[in-house]
ModelCIF file with pLDDT and N, C-alpha, C, O atoms, coordinates in Angstrom:
data_MODEL
#
_entry.id   MODEL 
#
_entity.id                         1 
_entity.type                       polymer 
_entity.pdbx_number_of_molecules   1 
#
_entity_poly.entity_id                      1 
_entity_poly.type                           'polypeptide(L)' 
_entity_poly.nstd_linkage                   no 
_entity_poly.nstd_monomer                   no 
_entity_poly.pdbx_seq_one_letter_code       DAGSSTELNALDASWGDLNAVDRATAADPAKLSRQQASVAKWLSHR 
_entity_poly.pdbx_seq_one_letter_code_can   DAGSSTELNALDASWGDLNAVDRATAADPAKLSRQQASVAKWLSHR 
_entity_poly.pdbx_strand_id                 A 
#
loop_
_entity_poly_seq.entity_id 
_entity_poly_seq.num 
_entity_poly_seq.mon_id 
_entity_poly_seq.hetero 
1 1  ASP n 
1 2  ALA n 
1 3  GLY n 
1 4  SER n 
1 5  SER n 
1 6  THR n 
1 7  GLU n 
1 8  LEU n 
1 9  ASN n 
1 10 ALA n 
1 11 LEU n 
1 12 ASP n 
1 13 ALA n 
1 14 SER n 
1 15 TRP n 
1 16 GLY n 
1 17 ASP n 
1 18 LEU n 
1 19 ASN n 
1 20 ALA n 
1 21 VAL n 
1 22 ASP n 
1 23 ARG n 
1 24 ALA n 
1 25 THR n 
1 26 ALA n 
1 27 ALA n 
1 28 ASP n 
1 29 PRO n 
1 30 ALA n 
1 31 LYS n 
1 32 LEU n 
1 33 SER n 
1 34 ARG n 
1 35 GLN n 
1 36 GLN n 
1 37 ALA n 
1 38 SER n 
1 39 VAL n 
1 40 ALA n 
1 41 LYS n 
1 42 TRP n 
1 43 LEU n 
1 44 SER n 
1 45 HIS n 
1 46 ARG n 
#
_struct_asym.id          A 
_struct_asym.entity_id   1 
#
loop_
_ma_qa_metric.id 
_ma_qa_metric.mode 
_ma_qa_metric.name 
_ma_qa_metric.software_group_id 
_ma_qa_metric.type 
1 global pLDDT . pLDDT 
2 local  pLDDT . pLDDT 
#
_ma_qa_metric_global.metric_id      1 
_ma_qa_metric_global.metric_value   83.41 
_ma_qa_metric_global.model_id       1 
_ma_qa_metric_global.ordinal_id     1 
#
loop_
_ma_qa_metric_local.label_asym_id 
_ma_qa_metric_local.label_comp_id 
_ma_qa_metric_local.label_seq_id 
_ma_qa_metric_local.metric_id 
_ma_qa_metric_local.metric_value 
_ma_qa_metric_local.model_id 
_ma_qa_metric_local.ordinal_id 
A ASP 1  2 57.00 1 1  
A ALA 2  2 56.00 1 2  
A GLY 3  2 58.00 1 3  
A SER 4  2 56.00 1 4  
A SER 5  2 59.00 1 5  
A THR 6  2 62.00 1 6  
A GLU 7  2 60.00 1 7  
A LEU 8  2 52.00 1 8  
A ASN 9  2 64.00 1 9  
A ALA 10 2 63.00 1 10 
A LEU 11 2 60.00 1 11 
A ASP 12 2 68.00 1 12 
A ALA 13 2 69.00 1 13 
A SER 14 2 75.00 1 14 
A TRP 15 2 78.00 1 15 
A GLY 16 2 82.00 1 16 
A ASP 17 2 84.00 1 17 
A LEU 18 2 81.00 1 18 
A ASN 19 2 84.00 1 19 
A ALA 20 2 87.00 1 20 
A VAL 21 2 84.00 1 21 
A ASP 22 2 85.00 1 22 
A ARG 23 2 88.00 1 23 
A ALA 24 2 91.00 1 24 
A THR 25 2 94.00 1 25 
A ALA 26 2 95.00 1 26 
A ALA 27 2 95.00 1 27 
A ASP 28 2 96.00 1 28 
A PRO 29 2 96.00 1 29 
A ALA 30 2 96.00 1 30 
A LYS 31 2 96.00 1 31 
A LEU 32 2 97.00 1 32 
A SER 33 2 97.00 1 33 
A ARG 34 2 97.00 1 34 
A GLN 35 2 97.00 1 35 
A GLN 36 2 98.00 1 36 
A ALA 37 2 98.00 1 37 
A SER 38 2 98.00 1 38 
A VAL 39 2 98.00 1 39 
A ALA 40 2 98.00 1 40 
A LYS 41 2 98.00 1 41 
A TRP 42 2 98.00 1 42 
A LEU 43 2 98.00 1 43 
A SER 44 2 98.00 1 44 
A HIS 45 2 98.00 1 45 
A ARG 46 2 98.00 1 46 
#
loop_
_atom_site.group_PDB 
_atom_site.id 
_atom_site.type_symbol 
_atom_site.label_atom_id 
_atom_site.label_alt_id 
_atom_site.label_comp_id 
_atom_site.label_asym_id 
_atom_site.label_entity_id 
_atom_site.label_seq_id 
_atom_site.pdbx_PDB_ins_code 
_atom_site.Cartn_x 
_atom_site.Cartn_y 
_atom_site.Cartn_z 
_atom_site.occupancy 
_atom_site.B_iso_or_equiv 
_atom_site.pdbx_formal_charge 
_atom_site.auth_seq_id 
_atom_site.auth_comp_id 
_atom_site.auth_asym_id 
_atom_site.auth_atom_id 
_atom_site.pdbx_PDB_model_num 
ATOM 1   N N  . ASP A 1 1  ? 0.830   -1.203 0.000   1.00 57.00 ? 1  ASP A N  1 
ATOM 2   C CA . ASP A 1 1  ? 0.000   0.000  0.000   1.00 57.00 ? 1  ASP A CA 1 
ATOM 3   C C  . ASP A 1 1  ? 0.863   1.250  0.000   1.00 57.00 ? 1  ASP A C  1 
ATOM 4   O O  . ASP A 1 1  ? 0.568   2.226  -0.690  1.00 57.00 ? 1  ASP A O  1 
ATOM 5   N N  . ALA A 1 2  ? 1.950   1.206  0.795   1.00 56.00 ? 2  ALA A N  1 
ATOM 6   C CA . ALA A 1 2  ? 2.852   2.355  0.853   1.00 56.00 ? 2  ALA A CA 1 
ATOM 7   C C  . ALA A 1 2  ? 3.499   2.587  -0.496  1.00 56.00 ? 2  ALA A C  1 
ATOM 8   O O  . ALA A 1 2  ? 3.673   3.727  -0.928  1.00 56.00 ? 2  ALA A O  1 
ATOM 9   N N  . GLY A 1 3  ? 3.864   1.470  -1.176  1.00 58.00 ? 3  GLY A N  1 
ATOM 10  C CA . GLY A 1 3  ? 4.469   1.582  -2.501  1.00 58.00 ? 3  GLY A CA 1 
ATOM 11  C C  . GLY A 1 3  ? 3.510   2.189  -3.497  1.00 58.00 ? 3  GLY A C  1 
ATOM 12  O O  . GLY A 1 3  ? 3.909   3.025  -4.309  1.00 58.00 ? 3  GLY A O  1 
ATOM 13  N N  . SER A 1 4  ? 2.234   1.780  -3.451  1.00 56.00 ? 4  SER A N  1 
ATOM 14  C CA . SER A 1 4  ? 1.217   2.334  -4.357  1.00 56.00 ? 4  SER A CA 1 
ATOM 15  C C  . SER A 1 4  ? 1.029   3.814  -4.116  1.00 56.00 ? 4  SER A C  1 
ATOM 16  O O  . SER A 1 4  ? 0.865   4.593  -5.054  1.00 56.00 ? 4  SER A O  1 
ATOM 17  N N  . SER A 1 5  ? 1.054   4.207  -2.815  1.00 59.00 ? 5  SER A N  1 
ATOM 18  C CA . SER A 1 5  ? 0.900   5.620  -2.478  1.00 59.00 ? 5  SER A CA 1 
ATOM 19  C C  . SER A 1 5  ? 2.065   6.434  -3.012  1.00 59.00 ? 5  SER A C  1 
ATOM 20  O O  . SER A 1 5  ? 1.888   7.549  -3.503  1.00 59.00 ? 5  SER A O  1 
ATOM 21  N N  . THR A 1 6  ? 3.285   5.851  -2.909  1.00 62.00 ? 6  THR A N  1 
ATOM 22  C CA . THR A 1 6  ? 4.467   6.545  -3.418  1.00 62.00 ? 6  THR A CA 1 
ATOM 23  C C  . THR A 1 6  ? 4.385   6.725  -4.931  1.00 62.00 ? 6  THR A C  1 
ATOM 24  O O  . THR A 1 6  ? 4.712   7.785  -5.463  1.00 62.00 ? 6  THR A O  1 
ATOM 25  N N  . GLU A 1 7  ? 3.937   5.655  -5.621  1.00 60.00 ? 7  GLU A N  1 
ATOM 26  C CA . GLU A 1 7  ? 3.794   5.734  -7.075  1.00 60.00 ? 7  GLU A CA 1 
ATOM 27  C C  . GLU A 1 7  ? 2.758   6.772  -7.462  1.00 60.00 ? 7  GLU A C  1 
ATOM 28  O O  . GLU A 1 7  ? 2.941   7.504  -8.435  1.00 60.00 ? 7  GLU A O  1 
ATOM 29  N N  . LEU A 1 8  ? 1.659   6.840  -6.697  1.00 52.00 ? 8  LEU A N  1 
ATOM 30  C CA . LEU A 1 8  ? 0.607   7.817  -6.985  1.00 52.00 ? 8  LEU A CA 1 
ATOM 31  C C  . LEU A 1 8  ? 1.115   9.233  -6.791  1.00 52.00 ? 8  LEU A C  1 
ATOM 32  O O  . LEU A 1 8  ? 0.835   10.125 -7.591  1.00 52.00 ? 8  LEU A O  1 
ATOM 33  N N  . ASN A 1 9  ? 1.875   9.429  -5.701  1.00 64.00 ? 9  ASN A N  1 
ATOM 34  C CA . ASN A 1 9  ? 2.441   10.756 -5.458  1.00 64.00 ? 9  ASN A CA 1 
ATOM 35  C C  . ASN A 1 9  ? 3.412   11.145 -6.563  1.00 64.00 ? 9  ASN A C  1 
ATOM 36  O O  . ASN A 1 9  ? 3.463   12.301 -6.985  1.00 64.00 ? 9  ASN A O  1 
ATOM 37  N N  . ALA A 1 10 ? 4.182   10.167 -7.025  1.00 63.00 ? 10 ALA A N  1 
ATOM 38  C CA . ALA A 1 10 ? 5.119   10.435 -8.114  1.00 63.00 ? 10 ALA A CA 1 
ATOM 39  C C  . ALA A 1 10 ? 4.361   10.806 -9.382  1.00 63.00 ? 10 ALA A C  1 
ATOM 40  O O  . ALA A 1 10 ? 4.783   11.695 -10.121 1.00 63.00 ? 10 ALA A O  1 
ATOM 41  N N  . LEU A 1 11 ? 3.245   10.129 -9.636  1.00 60.00 ? 11 LEU A N  1 
ATOM 42  C CA . LEU A 1 11 ? 2.427   10.441 -10.804 1.00 60.00 ? 11 LEU A CA 1 
ATOM 43  C C  . LEU A 1 11 ? 1.868   11.851 -10.708 1.00 60.00 ? 11 LEU A C  1 
ATOM 44  O O  . LEU A 1 11 ? 1.868   12.594 -11.690 1.00 60.00 ? 11 LEU A O  1 
ATOM 45  N N  . ASP A 1 12 ? 1.388   12.222 -9.510  1.00 68.00 ? 12 ASP A N  1 
ATOM 46  C CA . ASP A 1 12 ? 0.862   13.572 -9.318  1.00 68.00 ? 12 ASP A CA 1 
ATOM 47  C C  . ASP A 1 12 ? 1.936   14.611 -9.593  1.00 68.00 ? 12 ASP A C  1 
ATOM 48  O O  . ASP A 1 12 ? 1.680   15.644 -10.212 1.00 68.00 ? 12 ASP A O  1 
ATOM 49  N N  . ALA A 1 13 ? 3.160   14.315 -9.117  1.00 69.00 ? 13 ALA A N  1 
ATOM 50  C CA . ALA A 1 13 ? 4.255   15.260 -9.328  1.00 69.00 ? 13 ALA A CA 1 
ATOM 51  C C  . ALA A 1 13 ? 4.589   15.391 -10.807 1.00 69.00 ? 13 ALA A C  1 
ATOM 52  O O  . ALA A 1 13 ? 4.919   16.481 -11.276 1.00 69.00 ? 13 ALA A O  1 
ATOM 53  N N  . SER A 1 14 ? 4.505   14.277 -11.552 1.00 75.00 ? 14 SER A N  1 
ATOM 54  C CA . SER A 1 14 ? 4.822   14.333 -12.975 1.00 75.00 ? 14 SER A CA 1 
ATOM 55  C C  . SER A 1 14 ? 3.794   15.139 -13.755 1.00 75.00 ? 14 SER A C  1 
ATOM 56  O O  . SER A 1 14 ? 4.118   15.723 -14.788 1.00 75.00 ? 14 SER A O  1 
ATOM 57  N N  . TRP A 1 15 ? 2.565   15.175 -13.271 1.00 78.00 ? 15 TRP A N  1 
ATOM 58  C CA . TRP A 1 15 ? 1.518   15.951 -13.937 1.00 78.00 ? 15 TRP A CA 1 
ATOM 59  C C  . TRP A 1 15 ? 1.562   17.415 -13.514 1.00 78.00 ? 15 TRP A C  1 
ATOM 60  O O  . TRP A 1 15 ? 1.001   18.272 -14.196 1.00 78.00 ? 15 TRP A O  1 
ATOM 61  N N  . GLY A 1 16 ? 2.208   17.702 -12.422 1.00 82.00 ? 16 GLY A N  1 
ATOM 62  C CA . GLY A 1 16 ? 2.234   19.061 -11.906 1.00 82.00 ? 16 GLY A CA 1 
ATOM 63  C C  . GLY A 1 16 ? 3.123   19.982 -12.723 1.00 82.00 ? 16 GLY A C  1 
ATOM 64  O O  . GLY A 1 16 ? 3.979   19.529 -13.483 1.00 82.00 ? 16 GLY A O  1 
ATOM 65  N N  . ASP A 1 17 ? 2.909   21.283 -12.558 1.00 84.00 ? 17 ASP A N  1 
ATOM 66  C CA . ASP A 1 17 ? 3.701   22.291 -13.265 1.00 84.00 ? 17 ASP A CA 1 
ATOM 67  C C  . ASP A 1 17 ? 3.677   23.559 -12.430 1.00 84.00 ? 17 ASP A C  1 
ATOM 68  O O  . ASP A 1 17 ? 2.720   24.333 -12.465 1.00 84.00 ? 17 ASP A O  1 
ATOM 69  N N  . LEU A 1 18 ? 4.756   23.754 -11.675 1.00 81.00 ? 18 LEU A N  1 
ATOM 70  C CA . LEU A 1 18 ? 4.799   24.887 -10.757 1.00 81.00 ? 18 LEU A CA 1 
ATOM 71  C C  . LEU A 1 18 ? 4.832   26.225 -11.489 1.00 81.00 ? 18 LEU A C  1 
ATOM 72  O O  . LEU A 1 18 ? 4.578   27.268 -10.887 1.00 81.00 ? 18 LEU A O  1 
ATOM 73  N N  . ASN A 1 19 ? 5.145   26.199 -12.789 1.00 84.00 ? 19 ASN A N  1 
ATOM 74  C CA . ASN A 1 19 ? 5.186   27.442 -13.563 1.00 84.00 ? 19 ASN A CA 1 
ATOM 75  C C  . ASN A 1 19 ? 3.830   27.816 -14.158 1.00 84.00 ? 19 ASN A C  1 
ATOM 76  O O  . ASN A 1 19 ? 3.691   28.863 -14.792 1.00 84.00 ? 19 ASN A O  1 
ATOM 77  N N  . ALA A 1 20 ? 2.832   26.957 -13.951 1.00 87.00 ? 20 ALA A N  1 
ATOM 78  C CA . ALA A 1 20 ? 1.514   27.224 -14.531 1.00 87.00 ? 20 ALA A CA 1 
ATOM 79  C C  . ALA A 1 20 ? 0.944   28.551 -14.046 1.00 87.00 ? 20 ALA A C  1 
ATOM 80  O O  . ALA A 1 20 ? 0.295   29.268 -14.807 1.00 87.00 ? 20 ALA A O  1 
ATOM 81  N N  . VAL A 1 21 ? 1.186   28.875 -12.784 1.00 84.00 ? 21 VAL A N  1 
ATOM 82  C CA . VAL A 1 21 ? 0.624   30.109 -12.235 1.00 84.00 ? 21 VAL A CA 1 
ATOM 83  C C  . VAL A 1 21 ? 1.209   31.330 -12.935 1.00 84.00 ? 21 VAL A C  1 
ATOM 84  O O  . VAL A 1 21 ? 0.557   32.370 -13.019 1.00 84.00 ? 21 VAL A O  1 
ATOM 85  N N  . ASP A 1 22 ? 2.447   31.207 -13.442 1.00 85.00 ? 22 ASP A N  1 
ATOM 86  C CA . ASP A 1 22 ? 3.055   32.338 -14.141 1.00 85.00 ? 22 ASP A CA 1 
ATOM 87  C C  . ASP A 1 22 ? 2.419   32.574 -15.503 1.00 85.00 ? 22 ASP A C  1 
ATOM 88  O O  . ASP A 1 22 ? 2.458   33.687 -16.028 1.00 85.00 ? 22 ASP A O  1 
ATOM 89  N N  . ARG A 1 23 ? 1.834   31.531 -16.074 1.00 88.00 ? 23 ARG A N  1 
ATOM 90  C CA . ARG A 1 23 ? 1.193   31.663 -17.388 1.00 88.00 ? 23 ARG A CA 1 
ATOM 91  C C  . ARG A 1 23 ? -0.272  32.073 -17.285 1.00 88.00 ? 23 ARG A C  1 
ATOM 92  O O  . ARG A 1 23 ? -0.886  32.440 -18.287 1.00 88.00 ? 23 ARG A O  1 
ATOM 93  N N  . ALA A 1 24 ? -0.823  32.013 -16.103 1.00 91.00 ? 24 ALA A N  1 
ATOM 94  C CA . ALA A 1 24 ? -2.246  32.327 -15.932 1.00 91.00 ? 24 ALA A CA 1 
ATOM 95  C C  . ALA A 1 24 ? -2.501  33.808 -16.180 1.00 91.00 ? 24 ALA A C  1 
ATOM 96  O O  . ALA A 1 24 ? -1.755  34.668 -15.713 1.00 91.00 ? 24 ALA A O  1 
ATOM 97  N N  . THR A 1 25 ? -3.553  34.087 -16.912 1.00 94.00 ? 25 THR A N  1 
ATOM 98  C CA . THR A 1 25 ? -3.940  35.478 -17.155 1.00 94.00 ? 25 THR A CA 1 
ATOM 99  C C  . THR A 1 25 ? -4.795  35.930 -15.976 1.00 94.00 ? 25 THR A C  1 
ATOM 100 O O  . THR A 1 25 ? -6.022  35.838 -16.008 1.00 94.00 ? 25 THR A O  1 
ATOM 101 N N  . ALA A 1 26 ? -4.132  36.413 -14.952 1.00 95.00 ? 26 ALA A N  1 
ATOM 102 C CA . ALA A 1 26 ? -4.847  36.793 -13.738 1.00 95.00 ? 26 ALA A CA 1 
ATOM 103 C C  . ALA A 1 26 ? -4.036  37.834 -12.974 1.00 95.00 ? 26 ALA A C  1 
ATOM 104 O O  . ALA A 1 26 ? -2.815  37.912 -13.110 1.00 95.00 ? 26 ALA A O  1 
ATOM 105 N N  . ALA A 1 27 ? -4.726  38.618 -12.181 1.00 95.00 ? 27 ALA A N  1 
ATOM 106 C CA . ALA A 1 27 ? -4.082  39.623 -11.338 1.00 95.00 ? 27 ALA A CA 1 
ATOM 107 C C  . ALA A 1 27 ? -4.920  39.794 -10.081 1.00 95.00 ? 27 ALA A C  1 
ATOM 108 O O  . ALA A 1 27 ? -6.132  39.575 -10.094 1.00 95.00 ? 27 ALA A O  1 
ATOM 109 N N  . ASP A 1 28 ? -4.274  40.183 -9.014  1.00 96.00 ? 28 ASP A N  1 
ATOM 110 C CA . ASP A 1 28 ? -4.971  40.404 -7.746  1.00 96.00 ? 28 ASP A CA 1 
ATOM 111 C C  . ASP A 1 28 ? -5.732  41.731 -7.831  1.00 96.00 ? 28 ASP A C  1 
ATOM 112 O O  . ASP A 1 28 ? -5.110  42.782 -7.984  1.00 96.00 ? 28 ASP A O  1 
ATOM 113 N N  . PRO A 1 29 ? -7.058  41.701 -7.735  1.00 96.00 ? 29 PRO A N  1 
ATOM 114 C CA . PRO A 1 29 ? -7.828  42.952 -7.823  1.00 96.00 ? 29 PRO A CA 1 
ATOM 115 C C  . PRO A 1 29 ? -7.407  43.984 -6.783  1.00 96.00 ? 29 PRO A C  1 
ATOM 116 O O  . PRO A 1 29 ? -7.544  45.188 -6.999  1.00 96.00 ? 29 PRO A O  1 
ATOM 117 N N  . ALA A 1 30 ? -6.893  43.501 -5.650  1.00 96.00 ? 30 ALA A N  1 
ATOM 118 C CA . ALA A 1 30 ? -6.496  44.421 -4.586  1.00 96.00 ? 30 ALA A CA 1 
ATOM 119 C C  . ALA A 1 30 ? -5.282  45.272 -4.973  1.00 96.00 ? 30 ALA A C  1 
ATOM 120 O O  . ALA A 1 30 ? -5.011  46.297 -4.348  1.00 96.00 ? 30 ALA A O  1 
ATOM 121 N N  . LYS A 1 31 ? -4.552  44.838 -6.011  1.00 96.00 ? 31 LYS A N  1 
ATOM 122 C CA . LYS A 1 31 ? -3.352  45.555 -6.422  1.00 96.00 ? 31 LYS A CA 1 
ATOM 123 C C  . LYS A 1 31 ? -3.620  46.547 -7.556  1.00 96.00 ? 31 LYS A C  1 
ATOM 124 O O  . LYS A 1 31 ? -2.700  47.212 -8.033  1.00 96.00 ? 31 LYS A O  1 
ATOM 125 N N  . LEU A 1 32 ? -4.869  46.644 -7.981  1.00 97.00 ? 32 LEU A N  1 
ATOM 126 C CA . LEU A 1 32 ? -5.231  47.594 -9.024  1.00 97.00 ? 32 LEU A CA 1 
ATOM 127 C C  . LEU A 1 32 ? -5.439  48.974 -8.429  1.00 97.00 ? 32 LEU A C  1 
ATOM 128 O O  . LEU A 1 32 ? -5.658  49.118 -7.226  1.00 97.00 ? 32 LEU A O  1 
ATOM 129 N N  . SER A 1 33 ? -5.370  49.989 -9.281  1.00 97.00 ? 33 SER A N  1 
ATOM 130 C CA . SER A 1 33 ? -5.715  51.329 -8.831  1.00 97.00 ? 33 SER A CA 1 
ATOM 131 C C  . SER A 1 33 ? -7.211  51.361 -8.518  1.00 97.00 ? 33 SER A C  1 
ATOM 132 O O  . SER A 1 33 ? -7.946  50.441 -8.876  1.00 97.00 ? 33 SER A O  1 
ATOM 133 N N  . ARG A 1 34 ? -7.639  52.395 -7.868  1.00 97.00 ? 34 ARG A N  1 
ATOM 134 C CA . ARG A 1 34 ? -9.056  52.496 -7.497  1.00 97.00 ? 34 ARG A CA 1 
ATOM 135 C C  . ARG A 1 34 ? -9.948  52.489 -8.733  1.00 97.00 ? 34 ARG A C  1 
ATOM 136 O O  . ARG A 1 34 ? -10.980 51.818 -8.756  1.00 97.00 ? 34 ARG A O  1 
ATOM 137 N N  . GLN A 1 35 ? -9.551  53.232 -9.753  1.00 97.00 ? 35 GLN A N  1 
ATOM 138 C CA . GLN A 1 35 ? -10.313 53.271 -11.002 1.00 97.00 ? 35 GLN A CA 1 
ATOM 139 C C  . GLN A 1 35 ? -10.397 51.883 -11.626 1.00 97.00 ? 35 GLN A C  1 
ATOM 140 O O  . GLN A 1 35 ? -11.479 51.402 -11.964 1.00 97.00 ? 35 GLN A O  1 
ATOM 141 N N  . GLN A 1 36 ? -9.246  51.254 -11.772 1.00 98.00 ? 36 GLN A N  1 
ATOM 142 C CA . GLN A 1 36 ? -9.190  49.949 -12.411 1.00 98.00 ? 36 GLN A CA 1 
ATOM 143 C C  . GLN A 1 36 ? -9.980  48.901 -11.625 1.00 98.00 ? 36 GLN A C  1 
ATOM 144 O O  . GLN A 1 36 ? -10.679 48.075 -12.212 1.00 98.00 ? 36 GLN A O  1 
ATOM 145 N N  . ALA A 1 37 ? -9.865  48.940 -10.310 1.00 98.00 ? 37 ALA A N  1 
ATOM 146 C CA . ALA A 1 37 ? -10.570 47.974 -9.467  1.00 98.00 ? 37 ALA A CA 1 
ATOM 147 C C  . ALA A 1 37 ? -12.085 48.119 -9.611  1.00 98.00 ? 37 ALA A C  1 
ATOM 148 O O  . ALA A 1 37 ? -12.808 47.124 -9.652  1.00 98.00 ? 37 ALA A O  1 
ATOM 149 N N  . SER A 1 38 ? -12.555 49.356 -9.686  1.00 98.00 ? 38 SER A N  1 
ATOM 150 C CA . SER A 1 38 ? -13.995 49.591 -9.836  1.00 98.00 ? 38 SER A CA 1 
ATOM 151 C C  . SER A 1 38 ? -14.498 49.038 -11.169 1.00 98.00 ? 38 SER A C  1 
ATOM 152 O O  . SER A 1 38 ? -15.559 48.418 -11.237 1.00 98.00 ? 38 SER A O  1 
ATOM 153 N N  . VAL A 1 39 ? -13.718 49.274 -12.228 1.00 98.00 ? 39 VAL A N  1 
ATOM 154 C CA . VAL A 1 39 ? -14.098 48.786 -13.552 1.00 98.00 ? 39 VAL A CA 1 
ATOM 155 C C  . VAL A 1 39 ? -14.072 47.264 -13.593 1.00 98.00 ? 39 VAL A C  1 
ATOM 156 O O  . VAL A 1 39 ? -14.981 46.635 -14.134 1.00 98.00 ? 39 VAL A O  1 
ATOM 157 N N  . ALA A 1 40 ? -13.021 46.672 -13.017 1.00 98.00 ? 40 ALA A N  1 
ATOM 158 C CA . ALA A 1 40 ? -12.898 45.210 -13.019 1.00 98.00 ? 40 ALA A CA 1 
ATOM 159 C C  . ALA A 1 40 ? -14.043 44.559 -12.249 1.00 98.00 ? 40 ALA A C  1 
ATOM 160 O O  . ALA A 1 40 ? -14.595 43.551 -12.691 1.00 98.00 ? 40 ALA A O  1 
ATOM 161 N N  . LYS A 1 41 ? -14.394 45.121 -11.118 1.00 98.00 ? 41 LYS A N  1 
ATOM 162 C CA . LYS A 1 41 ? -15.486 44.567 -10.315 1.00 98.00 ? 41 LYS A CA 1 
ATOM 163 C C  . LYS A 1 41 ? -16.812 44.638 -11.074 1.00 98.00 ? 41 LYS A C  1 
ATOM 164 O O  . LYS A 1 41 ? -17.588 43.682 -11.063 1.00 98.00 ? 41 LYS A O  1 
ATOM 165 N N  . TRP A 1 42 ? -17.067 45.764 -11.728 1.00 98.00 ? 42 TRP A N  1 
ATOM 166 C CA . TRP A 1 42 ? -18.318 45.943 -12.471 1.00 98.00 ? 42 TRP A CA 1 
ATOM 167 C C  . TRP A 1 42 ? -18.398 44.958 -13.634 1.00 98.00 ? 42 TRP A C  1 
ATOM 168 O O  . TRP A 1 42 ? -19.431 44.324 -13.849 1.00 98.00 ? 42 TRP A O  1 
ATOM 169 N N  . LEU A 1 43 ? -17.307 44.834 -14.379 1.00 98.00 ? 43 LEU A N  1 
ATOM 170 C CA . LEU A 1 43 ? -17.284 43.900 -15.510 1.00 98.00 ? 43 LEU A CA 1 
ATOM 171 C C  . LEU A 1 43 ? -17.433 42.456 -15.047 1.00 98.00 ? 43 LEU A C  1 
ATOM 172 O O  . LEU A 1 43 ? -18.098 41.653 -15.700 1.00 98.00 ? 43 LEU A O  1 
ATOM 173 N N  . SER A 1 44 ? -16.816 42.134 -13.924 1.00 98.00 ? 44 SER A N  1 
ATOM 174 C CA . SER A 1 44 ? -16.910 40.774 -13.390 1.00 98.00 ? 44 SER A CA 1 
ATOM 175 C C  . SER A 1 44 ? -18.355 40.399 -13.108 1.00 98.00 ? 44 SER A C  1 
ATOM 176 O O  . SER A 1 44 ? -18.792 39.293 -13.427 1.00 98.00 ? 44 SER A O  1 
ATOM 177 N N  . HIS A 1 45 ? -19.097 41.326 -12.507 1.00 98.00 ? 45 HIS A N  1 
ATOM 178 C CA . HIS A 1 45 ? -20.511 41.063 -12.201 1.00 98.00 ? 45 HIS A CA 1 
ATOM 179 C C  . HIS A 1 45 ? -21.376 41.104 -13.462 1.00 98.00 ? 45 HIS A C  1 
ATOM 180 O O  . HIS A 1 45 ? -22.276 40.281 -13.626 1.00 98.00 ? 45 HIS A O  1 
ATOM 181 N N  . ARG A 1 46 ? -21.109 42.039 -14.330 1.00 98.00 ? 46 ARG A N  1 
ATOM 182 C CA . ARG A 1 46 ? -21.957 42.211 -15.519 1.00 98.00 ? 46 ARG A CA 1 
ATOM 183 C C  . ARG A 1 46 ? -21.835 41.016 -16.464 1.00 98.00 ? 46 ARG A C  1 
ATOM 184 O O  . ARG A 1 46 ? -22.478 40.992 -17.514 1.00 98.00 ? 46 ARG A O  1 
#
């Protein structure tokens, strides 16, 4: 069972990609200017 768990963890690691977050088109709304944050919030809801 321990061996199977190790193999599963290894498989998960092989599928992982720590650089994926760098490619994501996303930004923290809290870091936007007040104008930009207001526009982003409105568009998100609309």
